[in-house]
N, C-alpha and C. Protein backbone atom coordinates (compact mmCIF):
# COMPACT_ATOMS: atom_id res chain seq x y z
N MET A 1 54.87 31.51 -64.61
CA MET A 1 56.01 30.99 -63.86
C MET A 1 57.07 32.08 -63.73
N GLU A 2 57.70 32.15 -62.56
CA GLU A 2 58.72 33.15 -62.33
C GLU A 2 60.07 32.50 -62.05
N THR A 3 61.12 33.21 -62.43
CA THR A 3 62.48 32.73 -62.15
C THR A 3 63.38 33.93 -61.90
N SER A 4 64.36 33.73 -61.06
CA SER A 4 65.31 34.81 -60.74
C SER A 4 66.50 34.77 -61.70
N LEU A 5 66.99 35.93 -62.05
CA LEU A 5 68.13 36.02 -62.96
C LEU A 5 68.96 37.24 -62.58
N LYS A 6 70.24 37.02 -62.36
CA LYS A 6 71.14 38.12 -62.02
C LYS A 6 71.71 38.75 -63.29
N ALA A 7 71.87 40.05 -63.23
CA ALA A 7 72.44 40.79 -64.37
C ALA A 7 73.41 41.83 -63.84
N THR A 8 74.40 42.12 -64.64
CA THR A 8 75.38 43.14 -64.27
C THR A 8 75.32 44.27 -65.29
N VAL A 9 75.52 45.47 -64.82
CA VAL A 9 75.46 46.64 -65.70
C VAL A 9 76.65 46.64 -66.65
N ARG A 10 76.38 46.96 -67.90
CA ARG A 10 77.45 47.07 -68.90
C ARG A 10 77.89 48.52 -68.99
N ASP A 11 79.15 48.74 -68.74
CA ASP A 11 79.69 50.10 -68.87
C ASP A 11 80.03 50.42 -70.32
N ASN A 12 80.47 49.39 -71.03
CA ASN A 12 80.85 49.58 -72.43
C ASN A 12 79.84 48.86 -73.33
N THR A 13 79.42 49.52 -74.39
CA THR A 13 78.49 48.92 -75.34
C THR A 13 79.13 48.93 -76.73
N GLY A 14 78.42 48.41 -77.69
CA GLY A 14 78.97 48.33 -79.05
C GLY A 14 79.16 46.89 -79.47
N SER A 15 79.33 46.68 -80.78
CA SER A 15 79.42 45.33 -81.32
C SER A 15 80.65 44.57 -80.83
N ALA A 16 81.78 45.27 -80.71
CA ALA A 16 83.00 44.60 -80.26
C ALA A 16 82.85 44.08 -78.83
N GLN A 17 82.30 44.92 -77.95
CA GLN A 17 82.08 44.52 -76.57
C GLN A 17 81.05 43.40 -76.49
N SER A 18 80.05 43.46 -77.34
CA SER A 18 79.01 42.42 -77.34
C SER A 18 79.60 41.08 -77.73
N ARG A 19 80.48 41.06 -78.74
CA ARG A 19 81.13 39.81 -79.15
C ARG A 19 81.99 39.27 -78.01
N ARG A 20 82.68 40.18 -77.34
CA ARG A 20 83.52 39.77 -76.23
C ARG A 20 82.68 39.17 -75.11
N SER A 21 81.54 39.76 -74.84
CA SER A 21 80.65 39.26 -73.79
C SER A 21 80.16 37.86 -74.13
N ARG A 22 79.74 37.66 -75.36
CA ARG A 22 79.24 36.34 -75.76
C ARG A 22 80.33 35.29 -75.68
N GLY A 23 81.56 35.70 -76.01
CA GLY A 23 82.68 34.78 -75.91
C GLY A 23 82.97 34.37 -74.48
N GLU A 24 82.55 35.20 -73.53
CA GLU A 24 82.78 34.92 -72.11
C GLU A 24 81.58 34.24 -71.45
N GLY A 25 80.59 33.87 -72.29
CA GLY A 25 79.43 33.15 -71.75
C GLY A 25 78.30 34.01 -71.24
N THR A 26 78.29 35.28 -71.60
CA THR A 26 77.19 36.15 -71.20
C THR A 26 76.48 36.69 -72.44
N ILE A 27 75.28 37.22 -72.22
CA ILE A 27 74.48 37.76 -73.32
C ILE A 27 74.22 39.25 -73.07
N PRO A 28 74.51 40.11 -74.03
CA PRO A 28 74.19 41.54 -73.89
C PRO A 28 72.67 41.69 -73.83
N ALA A 29 72.20 42.58 -73.00
CA ALA A 29 70.76 42.78 -72.87
C ALA A 29 70.47 44.21 -72.45
N VAL A 30 69.20 44.57 -72.48
CA VAL A 30 68.77 45.90 -72.05
C VAL A 30 67.46 45.74 -71.29
N VAL A 31 67.28 46.54 -70.26
CA VAL A 31 66.05 46.54 -69.47
C VAL A 31 65.40 47.92 -69.62
N TYR A 32 64.10 47.94 -69.93
CA TYR A 32 63.42 49.23 -70.08
C TYR A 32 61.93 49.03 -69.78
N GLY A 33 61.16 50.10 -69.86
CA GLY A 33 59.72 50.01 -69.65
C GLY A 33 59.25 50.69 -68.38
N MET A 34 57.94 51.03 -68.37
CA MET A 34 57.32 51.68 -67.22
C MET A 34 58.02 52.98 -66.84
N GLY A 35 58.48 53.71 -67.85
CA GLY A 35 59.05 55.03 -67.63
C GLY A 35 60.50 55.05 -67.18
N MET A 36 61.13 53.89 -67.01
CA MET A 36 62.52 53.87 -66.55
C MET A 36 63.47 54.14 -67.71
N GLU A 37 64.62 54.68 -67.40
CA GLU A 37 65.66 54.86 -68.41
C GLU A 37 66.23 53.49 -68.76
N PRO A 38 66.44 53.19 -70.05
CA PRO A 38 67.00 51.89 -70.43
C PRO A 38 68.35 51.63 -69.76
N VAL A 39 68.52 50.40 -69.27
CA VAL A 39 69.77 50.01 -68.62
C VAL A 39 70.40 48.87 -69.39
N SER A 40 71.64 49.07 -69.85
CA SER A 40 72.37 48.00 -70.58
C SER A 40 72.99 47.06 -69.56
N VAL A 41 72.71 45.76 -69.74
CA VAL A 41 73.20 44.76 -68.78
C VAL A 41 73.77 43.55 -69.52
N GLU A 42 74.31 42.62 -68.74
CA GLU A 42 74.75 41.32 -69.24
C GLU A 42 74.13 40.25 -68.35
N ILE A 43 73.72 39.14 -68.98
CA ILE A 43 73.14 38.03 -68.22
C ILE A 43 73.89 36.75 -68.56
N ASP A 44 73.85 35.79 -67.66
CA ASP A 44 74.52 34.52 -67.89
C ASP A 44 73.76 33.73 -68.97
N ALA A 45 74.47 33.33 -70.02
CA ALA A 45 73.83 32.64 -71.14
C ALA A 45 73.20 31.32 -70.72
N ARG A 46 73.88 30.54 -69.89
CA ARG A 46 73.35 29.24 -69.49
C ARG A 46 72.10 29.40 -68.64
N GLU A 47 72.11 30.33 -67.69
CA GLU A 47 70.95 30.54 -66.83
C GLU A 47 69.74 31.01 -67.65
N PHE A 48 69.97 31.88 -68.62
CA PHE A 48 68.88 32.36 -69.45
C PHE A 48 68.31 31.23 -70.31
N THR A 49 69.19 30.43 -70.89
CA THR A 49 68.75 29.30 -71.72
C THR A 49 67.92 28.32 -70.90
N ASN A 50 68.34 28.02 -69.70
CA ASN A 50 67.60 27.10 -68.84
C ASN A 50 66.23 27.67 -68.46
N ALA A 51 66.16 28.98 -68.28
CA ALA A 51 64.89 29.62 -67.94
C ALA A 51 63.87 29.45 -69.07
N LEU A 52 64.34 29.51 -70.30
CA LEU A 52 63.44 29.37 -71.45
C LEU A 52 62.96 27.93 -71.63
N LYS A 53 63.64 26.99 -70.99
CA LYS A 53 63.25 25.58 -71.10
C LYS A 53 62.16 25.19 -70.11
N THR A 54 61.75 26.13 -69.28
CA THR A 54 60.68 25.85 -68.32
C THR A 54 59.35 25.79 -69.06
N GLU A 55 58.31 25.44 -68.33
CA GLU A 55 56.98 25.29 -68.91
C GLU A 55 56.48 26.57 -69.57
N ALA A 56 56.86 27.71 -69.03
CA ALA A 56 56.37 28.99 -69.56
C ALA A 56 57.06 29.39 -70.85
N GLY A 57 58.19 28.77 -71.18
CA GLY A 57 58.90 29.10 -72.40
C GLY A 57 59.38 30.54 -72.39
N SER A 58 59.20 31.22 -73.53
CA SER A 58 59.69 32.60 -73.64
C SER A 58 58.83 33.59 -72.85
N ASN A 59 57.69 33.12 -72.31
CA ASN A 59 56.84 34.01 -71.51
C ASN A 59 57.10 33.87 -70.02
N VAL A 60 58.22 33.28 -69.65
CA VAL A 60 58.58 33.17 -68.25
C VAL A 60 58.80 34.58 -67.67
N ILE A 61 58.37 34.78 -66.44
CA ILE A 61 58.54 36.07 -65.77
C ILE A 61 59.89 36.09 -65.06
N PHE A 62 60.71 37.08 -65.38
CA PHE A 62 62.04 37.19 -64.80
C PHE A 62 62.04 38.20 -63.64
N ASN A 63 62.60 37.77 -62.52
CA ASN A 63 62.89 38.69 -61.44
C ASN A 63 64.36 39.05 -61.57
N LEU A 64 64.61 40.14 -62.28
CA LEU A 64 65.97 40.55 -62.59
C LEU A 64 66.61 41.29 -61.41
N GLU A 65 67.79 40.84 -61.04
CA GLU A 65 68.55 41.52 -60.00
C GLU A 65 69.72 42.23 -60.66
N VAL A 66 69.66 43.54 -60.68
CA VAL A 66 70.73 44.35 -61.27
C VAL A 66 71.36 45.17 -60.15
N GLY A 67 72.42 44.63 -59.57
CA GLY A 67 73.01 45.27 -58.40
C GLY A 67 72.01 45.25 -57.26
N LYS A 68 71.69 46.42 -56.71
CA LYS A 68 70.73 46.52 -55.62
C LYS A 68 69.29 46.68 -56.14
N ASP A 69 69.15 46.88 -57.45
CA ASP A 69 67.82 47.07 -58.04
C ASP A 69 67.22 45.74 -58.48
N LYS A 70 65.90 45.67 -58.39
CA LYS A 70 65.18 44.48 -58.84
C LYS A 70 64.06 44.88 -59.78
N PHE A 71 63.93 44.14 -60.88
CA PHE A 71 62.91 44.43 -61.89
C PHE A 71 62.14 43.15 -62.21
N THR A 72 60.84 43.28 -62.32
CA THR A 72 60.01 42.18 -62.81
C THR A 72 59.83 42.42 -64.30
N ALA A 73 60.25 41.45 -65.10
CA ALA A 73 60.30 41.71 -66.54
C ALA A 73 59.99 40.47 -67.37
N LEU A 74 59.64 40.72 -68.63
CA LEU A 74 59.47 39.68 -69.63
C LEU A 74 60.52 39.89 -70.72
N ALA A 75 61.00 38.79 -71.31
CA ALA A 75 61.93 38.90 -72.43
C ALA A 75 61.10 39.15 -73.69
N ARG A 76 61.01 40.42 -74.09
CA ARG A 76 60.13 40.78 -75.19
C ARG A 76 60.76 40.59 -76.57
N GLU A 77 62.04 40.69 -76.68
CA GLU A 77 62.70 40.46 -77.98
C GLU A 77 63.98 39.68 -77.73
N ILE A 78 64.03 38.50 -78.35
CA ILE A 78 65.19 37.62 -78.18
C ILE A 78 65.83 37.40 -79.55
N GLN A 79 67.04 37.90 -79.72
CA GLN A 79 67.74 37.75 -80.98
C GLN A 79 68.67 36.54 -80.92
N LYS A 80 68.52 35.66 -81.94
CA LYS A 80 69.36 34.46 -82.01
C LYS A 80 70.22 34.50 -83.26
N HIS A 81 71.34 33.80 -83.21
CA HIS A 81 72.20 33.68 -84.38
C HIS A 81 71.47 32.91 -85.46
N VAL A 82 71.75 33.23 -86.71
CA VAL A 82 71.03 32.61 -87.82
C VAL A 82 71.15 31.10 -87.83
N TYR A 83 72.33 30.56 -87.61
CA TYR A 83 72.48 29.10 -87.67
C TYR A 83 73.15 28.49 -86.44
N ARG A 84 73.77 29.31 -85.60
CA ARG A 84 74.36 28.78 -84.37
C ARG A 84 73.35 28.86 -83.23
N ASN A 85 73.41 27.91 -82.33
CA ASN A 85 72.53 27.94 -81.17
C ASN A 85 73.08 28.92 -80.14
N GLU A 86 72.93 30.19 -80.48
CA GLU A 86 73.53 31.24 -79.67
C GLU A 86 72.62 32.46 -79.62
N PHE A 87 72.40 33.00 -78.43
CA PHE A 87 71.61 34.22 -78.27
C PHE A 87 72.52 35.42 -78.45
N LEU A 88 72.05 36.39 -79.24
CA LEU A 88 72.85 37.57 -79.53
C LEU A 88 72.50 38.75 -78.62
N HIS A 89 71.23 38.89 -78.30
CA HIS A 89 70.80 40.04 -77.50
C HIS A 89 69.39 39.79 -76.98
N VAL A 90 69.09 40.34 -75.81
CA VAL A 90 67.76 40.19 -75.22
C VAL A 90 67.25 41.55 -74.76
N ASP A 91 65.98 41.85 -75.10
CA ASP A 91 65.32 43.05 -74.59
C ASP A 91 64.36 42.62 -73.48
N PHE A 92 64.59 43.12 -72.28
CA PHE A 92 63.68 42.87 -71.16
C PHE A 92 62.80 44.09 -70.96
N ILE A 93 61.49 43.87 -70.86
CA ILE A 93 60.59 44.97 -70.59
C ILE A 93 60.01 44.82 -69.19
N GLN A 94 60.14 45.87 -68.39
CA GLN A 94 59.64 45.83 -67.03
C GLN A 94 58.11 45.82 -67.05
N ILE A 95 57.51 45.02 -66.19
CA ILE A 95 56.05 44.87 -66.17
C ILE A 95 55.51 45.07 -64.76
N ASP A 96 54.20 45.29 -64.71
CA ASP A 96 53.46 45.36 -63.46
C ASP A 96 52.57 44.13 -63.43
N LEU A 97 52.73 43.27 -62.43
CA LEU A 97 51.98 42.02 -62.37
C LEU A 97 50.48 42.23 -62.25
N THR A 98 50.05 43.46 -61.95
CA THR A 98 48.62 43.74 -61.81
C THR A 98 48.01 44.32 -63.09
N LYS A 99 48.85 44.47 -64.13
CA LYS A 99 48.35 45.05 -65.39
C LYS A 99 48.57 44.06 -66.54
N THR A 100 47.64 44.07 -67.47
CA THR A 100 47.72 43.13 -68.60
C THR A 100 48.86 43.49 -69.56
N VAL A 101 49.37 42.47 -70.21
CA VAL A 101 50.41 42.65 -71.22
C VAL A 101 50.05 41.80 -72.44
N ASP A 102 50.63 42.12 -73.57
CA ASP A 102 50.46 41.31 -74.78
C ASP A 102 51.57 40.26 -74.85
N ALA A 103 51.21 39.08 -75.29
CA ALA A 103 52.20 38.00 -75.39
C ALA A 103 51.82 37.06 -76.53
N ASP A 104 52.83 36.53 -77.21
CA ASP A 104 52.62 35.53 -78.25
C ASP A 104 52.57 34.15 -77.61
N VAL A 105 51.52 33.39 -77.92
CA VAL A 105 51.34 32.06 -77.34
C VAL A 105 51.25 31.03 -78.46
N GLN A 106 51.95 29.93 -78.29
CA GLN A 106 51.97 28.88 -79.31
C GLN A 106 50.66 28.11 -79.35
N ILE A 107 50.24 27.73 -80.57
CA ILE A 107 49.04 26.94 -80.78
C ILE A 107 49.43 25.48 -81.07
N ASN A 108 48.83 24.55 -80.34
CA ASN A 108 49.02 23.12 -80.60
C ASN A 108 47.84 22.63 -81.42
N PHE A 109 48.10 22.18 -82.65
CA PHE A 109 47.03 21.68 -83.51
C PHE A 109 46.77 20.22 -83.17
N ILE A 110 45.53 19.93 -82.74
CA ILE A 110 45.19 18.61 -82.25
C ILE A 110 44.33 17.83 -83.26
N GLY A 111 44.70 16.56 -83.50
CA GLY A 111 43.91 15.70 -84.36
C GLY A 111 44.37 15.67 -85.80
N THR A 112 43.84 14.69 -86.56
CA THR A 112 44.11 14.57 -88.00
C THR A 112 42.86 14.97 -88.77
N PRO A 113 42.94 15.98 -89.62
CA PRO A 113 41.76 16.47 -90.33
C PRO A 113 41.09 15.41 -91.22
N MET A 114 39.76 15.49 -91.33
CA MET A 114 39.01 14.59 -92.22
C MET A 114 39.50 14.76 -93.65
N GLY A 115 39.82 15.99 -94.01
CA GLY A 115 40.28 16.26 -95.38
C GLY A 115 41.59 15.58 -95.72
N VAL A 116 42.37 15.25 -94.69
CA VAL A 116 43.62 14.52 -94.91
C VAL A 116 43.36 13.02 -94.99
N LYS A 117 42.53 12.52 -94.08
CA LYS A 117 42.26 11.08 -94.01
C LYS A 117 41.40 10.59 -95.18
N GLU A 118 40.42 11.40 -95.59
CA GLU A 118 39.44 10.93 -96.57
C GLU A 118 39.57 11.57 -97.95
N GLU A 119 40.22 12.73 -98.03
CA GLU A 119 40.28 13.43 -99.31
C GLU A 119 41.69 13.60 -99.85
N GLY A 120 42.68 13.10 -99.11
CA GLY A 120 44.05 13.22 -99.58
C GLY A 120 44.63 14.61 -99.50
N GLY A 121 44.03 15.48 -98.69
CA GLY A 121 44.53 16.84 -98.55
C GLY A 121 45.77 16.90 -97.67
N ILE A 122 46.34 18.07 -97.59
CA ILE A 122 47.52 18.27 -96.74
C ILE A 122 47.28 19.46 -95.83
N VAL A 123 47.91 19.44 -94.66
CA VAL A 123 47.79 20.52 -93.69
C VAL A 123 48.80 21.61 -94.03
N GLN A 124 48.33 22.82 -94.16
CA GLN A 124 49.22 23.96 -94.39
C GLN A 124 49.11 24.92 -93.21
N THR A 125 50.18 25.01 -92.42
CA THR A 125 50.20 25.89 -91.26
C THR A 125 50.63 27.29 -91.68
N ILE A 126 49.75 28.25 -91.49
CA ILE A 126 50.05 29.64 -91.84
C ILE A 126 50.75 30.35 -90.68
N ASN A 127 50.25 30.08 -89.47
CA ASN A 127 50.83 30.69 -88.27
C ASN A 127 50.52 29.81 -87.08
N SER A 128 51.51 29.55 -86.26
CA SER A 128 51.30 28.68 -85.09
C SER A 128 51.32 29.46 -83.78
N TYR A 129 51.15 30.79 -83.87
CA TYR A 129 51.11 31.64 -82.68
C TYR A 129 49.95 32.63 -82.79
N ILE A 130 49.38 33.00 -81.65
CA ILE A 130 48.44 34.11 -81.62
C ILE A 130 48.90 35.08 -80.53
N THR A 131 48.53 36.34 -80.67
CA THR A 131 48.90 37.34 -79.68
C THR A 131 47.71 37.57 -78.75
N ILE A 132 47.93 37.33 -77.46
CA ILE A 132 46.86 37.46 -76.48
C ILE A 132 47.17 38.60 -75.51
N SER A 133 46.17 38.97 -74.75
CA SER A 133 46.34 39.97 -73.70
C SER A 133 45.88 39.36 -72.40
N ALA A 134 46.73 39.44 -71.36
CA ALA A 134 46.40 38.84 -70.07
C ALA A 134 47.33 39.39 -69.00
N LEU A 135 46.98 39.15 -67.75
CA LEU A 135 47.91 39.47 -66.68
C LEU A 135 49.14 38.58 -66.86
N PRO A 136 50.32 39.05 -66.52
CA PRO A 136 51.54 38.26 -66.70
C PRO A 136 51.45 36.86 -66.09
N THR A 137 50.80 36.76 -64.95
CA THR A 137 50.70 35.45 -64.29
C THR A 137 49.64 34.55 -64.92
N ASN A 138 48.83 35.09 -65.83
CA ASN A 138 47.78 34.30 -66.49
C ASN A 138 48.14 33.91 -67.92
N ILE A 139 49.32 34.27 -68.37
CA ILE A 139 49.70 33.94 -69.75
C ILE A 139 49.82 32.42 -69.89
N PRO A 140 49.03 31.80 -70.76
CA PRO A 140 49.10 30.34 -70.90
C PRO A 140 50.39 29.90 -71.57
N THR A 141 50.82 28.69 -71.21
CA THR A 141 52.03 28.14 -71.83
C THR A 141 51.80 27.92 -73.32
N SER A 142 50.64 27.36 -73.67
CA SER A 142 50.24 27.13 -75.05
C SER A 142 48.74 26.93 -75.07
N LEU A 143 48.16 26.89 -76.26
CA LEU A 143 46.72 26.71 -76.41
C LEU A 143 46.46 25.63 -77.45
N ASP A 144 45.41 24.82 -77.22
CA ASP A 144 45.08 23.74 -78.15
C ASP A 144 43.98 24.17 -79.12
N LEU A 145 44.07 23.65 -80.34
CA LEU A 145 43.05 23.91 -81.36
C LEU A 145 42.76 22.61 -82.10
N ASP A 146 41.53 22.12 -81.99
CA ASP A 146 41.13 20.85 -82.63
C ASP A 146 40.92 21.08 -84.12
N ILE A 147 41.64 20.33 -84.96
CA ILE A 147 41.53 20.48 -86.41
C ILE A 147 40.98 19.22 -87.07
N SER A 148 40.49 18.28 -86.27
CA SER A 148 40.08 16.97 -86.79
C SER A 148 38.87 17.03 -87.72
N GLU A 149 38.01 18.05 -87.60
CA GLU A 149 36.80 18.12 -88.42
C GLU A 149 37.00 18.90 -89.73
N LEU A 150 38.19 19.36 -89.98
CA LEU A 150 38.43 20.16 -91.19
C LEU A 150 38.45 19.32 -92.45
N ASN A 151 37.79 19.81 -93.50
CA ASN A 151 37.82 19.18 -94.82
C ASN A 151 38.69 20.03 -95.75
N VAL A 152 38.95 19.51 -96.94
CA VAL A 152 39.75 20.27 -97.91
C VAL A 152 39.05 21.59 -98.21
N GLY A 153 39.80 22.67 -98.12
CA GLY A 153 39.25 24.01 -98.34
C GLY A 153 38.87 24.72 -97.07
N ASP A 154 38.80 23.98 -95.95
CA ASP A 154 38.47 24.60 -94.67
C ASP A 154 39.70 25.23 -94.03
N ASN A 155 39.46 26.19 -93.15
CA ASN A 155 40.57 26.78 -92.39
C ASN A 155 40.06 27.23 -91.03
N LEU A 156 41.00 27.52 -90.15
CA LEU A 156 40.69 28.05 -88.82
C LEU A 156 41.52 29.30 -88.59
N ALA A 157 40.92 30.26 -87.90
CA ALA A 157 41.59 31.54 -87.66
C ALA A 157 41.81 31.76 -86.17
N ALA A 158 42.45 32.87 -85.86
CA ALA A 158 42.78 33.19 -84.47
C ALA A 158 41.53 33.21 -83.59
N GLY A 159 40.41 33.69 -84.15
CA GLY A 159 39.18 33.77 -83.38
C GLY A 159 38.56 32.43 -83.05
N ASP A 160 39.05 31.36 -83.67
CA ASP A 160 38.52 30.02 -83.41
C ASP A 160 39.18 29.34 -82.22
N VAL A 161 40.20 29.96 -81.68
CA VAL A 161 40.90 29.38 -80.53
C VAL A 161 40.14 29.68 -79.24
N SER A 162 39.86 28.63 -78.46
CA SER A 162 39.18 28.82 -77.17
C SER A 162 40.19 29.36 -76.16
N LEU A 163 39.85 30.47 -75.55
CA LEU A 163 40.76 31.13 -74.61
C LEU A 163 40.26 30.93 -73.17
N PRO A 164 41.18 30.69 -72.25
CA PRO A 164 40.78 30.53 -70.84
C PRO A 164 40.31 31.85 -70.25
N GLU A 165 39.66 31.76 -69.11
CA GLU A 165 39.16 32.96 -68.44
C GLU A 165 40.31 33.91 -68.10
N GLY A 166 40.10 35.17 -68.37
CA GLY A 166 41.13 36.17 -68.08
C GLY A 166 42.10 36.38 -69.22
N VAL A 167 41.86 35.67 -70.34
CA VAL A 167 42.74 35.80 -71.51
C VAL A 167 41.89 36.16 -72.72
N GLU A 168 42.33 37.12 -73.49
CA GLU A 168 41.62 37.50 -74.72
C GLU A 168 42.62 37.85 -75.80
N LEU A 169 42.13 37.91 -77.04
CA LEU A 169 43.01 38.30 -78.14
C LEU A 169 43.44 39.75 -77.95
N ALA A 170 44.70 40.02 -78.24
CA ALA A 170 45.19 41.39 -78.14
C ALA A 170 44.41 42.30 -79.09
N ASP A 171 44.08 41.75 -80.26
CA ASP A 171 43.23 42.43 -81.23
C ASP A 171 41.94 41.63 -81.31
N THR A 172 40.88 42.14 -80.73
CA THR A 172 39.63 41.39 -80.66
C THR A 172 39.04 41.10 -82.04
N GLU A 173 39.50 41.80 -83.06
CA GLU A 173 39.00 41.58 -84.42
C GLU A 173 40.00 40.79 -85.27
N ASP A 174 40.95 40.18 -84.61
CA ASP A 174 41.97 39.41 -85.32
C ASP A 174 41.33 38.20 -86.02
N ASP A 175 41.36 38.18 -87.35
CA ASP A 175 40.81 37.07 -88.11
C ASP A 175 41.88 36.40 -88.98
N SER A 176 43.14 36.53 -88.56
CA SER A 176 44.24 35.95 -89.33
C SER A 176 44.14 34.42 -89.34
N ILE A 177 44.40 33.83 -90.51
CA ILE A 177 44.30 32.39 -90.69
C ILE A 177 45.49 31.70 -90.02
N LEU A 178 45.19 30.63 -89.28
CA LEU A 178 46.24 29.85 -88.63
C LEU A 178 46.57 28.59 -89.43
N ILE A 179 45.55 27.93 -89.92
CA ILE A 179 45.77 26.64 -90.60
C ILE A 179 44.71 26.42 -91.66
N THR A 180 45.07 25.75 -92.73
CA THR A 180 44.13 25.44 -93.80
C THR A 180 44.45 24.07 -94.37
N ILE A 181 43.45 23.43 -94.98
CA ILE A 181 43.63 22.12 -95.60
C ILE A 181 43.55 22.31 -97.10
N THR A 182 44.59 21.97 -97.80
CA THR A 182 44.67 22.20 -99.24
C THR A 182 44.86 20.90 -100.01
N VAL A 183 44.63 20.98 -101.32
CA VAL A 183 44.88 19.84 -102.21
C VAL A 183 46.35 19.85 -102.58
N PRO A 184 47.03 18.69 -102.57
CA PRO A 184 48.45 18.66 -102.95
C PRO A 184 48.66 19.24 -104.34
N ARG A 185 49.74 19.96 -104.52
CA ARG A 185 50.05 20.56 -105.82
C ARG A 185 50.11 19.53 -106.94
N ALA A 186 50.62 18.35 -106.63
CA ALA A 186 50.74 17.29 -107.63
C ALA A 186 49.36 16.89 -108.16
N ALA A 187 48.36 16.85 -107.25
CA ALA A 187 47.01 16.48 -107.65
C ALA A 187 46.40 17.54 -108.55
N ILE A 188 46.68 18.82 -108.25
CA ILE A 188 46.17 19.92 -109.07
C ILE A 188 46.77 19.86 -110.47
N GLU A 189 48.09 19.62 -110.54
CA GLU A 189 48.76 19.53 -111.83
C GLU A 189 48.24 18.35 -112.64
N GLU A 190 47.98 17.22 -111.96
CA GLU A 190 47.45 16.04 -112.65
C GLU A 190 46.08 16.33 -113.23
N GLU A 191 45.24 17.03 -112.47
CA GLU A 191 43.90 17.39 -112.94
C GLU A 191 43.99 18.33 -114.13
N GLU A 192 44.94 19.27 -114.09
CA GLU A 192 45.11 20.20 -115.20
C GLU A 192 45.57 19.45 -116.46
N ASP A 193 46.44 18.44 -116.28
CA ASP A 193 46.92 17.65 -117.43
C ASP A 193 45.77 16.88 -118.05
N ILE A 194 44.89 16.30 -117.19
CA ILE A 194 43.77 15.54 -117.69
C ILE A 194 42.82 16.43 -118.47
N GLU A 195 42.55 17.63 -117.95
CA GLU A 195 41.69 18.58 -118.63
C GLU A 195 42.28 18.99 -119.98
N GLY A 196 43.62 19.11 -120.00
CA GLY A 196 44.28 19.47 -121.24
C GLY A 196 44.13 18.38 -122.29
N LEU A 197 44.30 17.11 -121.86
CA LEU A 197 44.14 15.99 -122.78
C LEU A 197 42.73 15.88 -123.31
N GLU A 198 41.75 16.09 -122.45
CA GLU A 198 40.36 16.04 -122.87
C GLU A 198 40.07 17.12 -123.90
N GLY A 199 40.68 18.29 -123.71
CA GLY A 199 40.49 19.38 -124.65
C GLY A 199 41.06 19.03 -126.01
N GLU A 200 42.24 18.37 -126.03
CA GLU A 200 42.85 17.97 -127.29
C GLU A 200 42.01 16.95 -128.02
N GLU A 201 41.39 16.01 -127.26
CA GLU A 201 40.55 14.98 -127.86
C GLU A 201 39.33 15.61 -128.52
N VAL A 202 38.73 16.60 -127.87
CA VAL A 202 37.56 17.27 -128.44
C VAL A 202 37.94 17.97 -129.73
N GLU A 203 39.09 18.66 -129.73
CA GLU A 203 39.52 19.36 -130.93
C GLU A 203 39.78 18.37 -132.06
N GLY A 204 40.36 17.21 -131.70
CA GLY A 204 40.63 16.18 -132.70
C GLY A 204 39.37 15.66 -133.33
N GLU A 205 38.33 15.45 -132.51
CA GLU A 205 37.06 14.96 -133.02
C GLU A 205 36.43 15.96 -133.95
N GLU A 206 36.49 17.26 -133.56
CA GLU A 206 35.92 18.30 -134.41
C GLU A 206 36.63 18.35 -135.75
N GLY A 207 37.98 18.19 -135.72
CA GLY A 207 38.75 18.20 -136.95
C GLY A 207 38.36 17.06 -137.86
N ALA A 208 38.18 15.86 -137.26
CA ALA A 208 37.82 14.69 -138.04
C ALA A 208 36.46 14.87 -138.67
N GLU A 209 35.50 15.45 -137.92
CA GLU A 209 34.18 15.69 -138.46
C GLU A 209 34.24 16.67 -139.63
N GLY A 210 35.11 17.69 -139.49
CA GLY A 210 35.24 18.68 -140.55
C GLY A 210 35.78 18.07 -141.82
N GLU A 211 36.81 17.19 -141.69
CA GLU A 211 37.39 16.53 -142.85
C GLU A 211 36.36 15.64 -143.51
N SER A 212 35.57 14.93 -142.73
CA SER A 212 34.57 14.04 -143.27
C SER A 212 33.53 14.81 -144.06
N SER A 213 33.15 15.98 -143.57
CA SER A 213 32.15 16.81 -144.25
C SER A 213 32.69 17.29 -145.58
N GLU A 214 33.99 17.68 -145.58
CA GLU A 214 34.59 18.17 -146.81
C GLU A 214 34.63 17.07 -147.88
N GLU A 215 34.97 15.82 -147.42
CA GLU A 215 35.01 14.70 -148.36
C GLU A 215 33.64 14.44 -148.95
N THR A 216 32.60 14.56 -148.14
CA THR A 216 31.24 14.33 -148.61
C THR A 216 30.86 15.35 -149.67
N VAL A 217 31.21 16.61 -149.43
CA VAL A 217 30.91 17.67 -150.39
C VAL A 217 31.61 17.41 -151.70
N GLU A 218 32.91 16.98 -151.62
CA GLU A 218 33.66 16.71 -152.85
C GLU A 218 33.04 15.57 -153.62
N GLU A 219 32.59 14.50 -152.92
CA GLU A 219 31.98 13.34 -153.59
C GLU A 219 30.69 13.74 -154.28
N GLU A 220 29.89 14.59 -153.58
CA GLU A 220 28.63 15.04 -154.18
C GLU A 220 28.89 15.85 -155.42
N SER A 221 29.93 16.69 -155.40
CA SER A 221 30.26 17.52 -156.57
C SER A 221 30.65 16.67 -157.74
N SER A 222 31.43 15.62 -157.49
CA SER A 222 31.89 14.70 -158.55
C SER A 222 30.70 13.99 -159.18
N ASP A 223 29.76 13.58 -158.36
CA ASP A 223 28.59 12.86 -158.89
C ASP A 223 27.77 13.77 -159.77
N GLU A 224 27.60 15.02 -159.38
CA GLU A 224 26.83 15.96 -160.20
C GLU A 224 27.50 16.21 -161.52
N SER A 225 28.86 16.28 -161.50
CA SER A 225 29.59 16.51 -162.76
C SER A 225 29.41 15.33 -163.70
N GLY A 226 29.43 14.13 -163.12
CA GLY A 226 29.29 12.93 -163.95
C GLY A 226 27.95 12.87 -164.60
N GLU A 227 26.91 13.35 -163.99
CA GLU A 227 25.60 13.34 -164.59
C GLU A 227 25.58 14.31 -165.75
């Protein structure tokens, strides 16, 4: 998906100017890539936020208008405030629509795992994104991954995601784990406690047997003395 976005060149840079820009409703940004000299710009915060709310999300293709110049770009690095809903800075990288680019795509985990329904396991999400390579216009909004057949101890990796035609993993050997089904920590601790108690019972029985043997030996000694 493509959207148009106007930007103005920033003559002054630095943290003070950046704070001033954000206070005025704009976001400091930079445009670079494909051999061009980096250009510092400002973009309208509301327009940029609305663009990210489209179906393409952060992979939306921007047609940037910077004065008389126009750039086709992707927002490759988006810096947000730690706790405020505020964008601090955006890096736009110029792209060629006829050449592949790398992009992070969100994974939608579909279904309830067997290990959760039947074994009391829990879903542990390691990573909900994979990095793919595709033409800019072929970058999927998101990708689905069925996890309903997973049992406790099972996991799925980046290579298990079905990719549409024209899309492949940026690293074809990527085997990073996305999701796994584990036993709840409370259940593990409970099992360890039970094993500990069983161990104490065994030691107690051995001790009792030892005492009984000693008493028998003492009784036999007394009987021999009496004779």
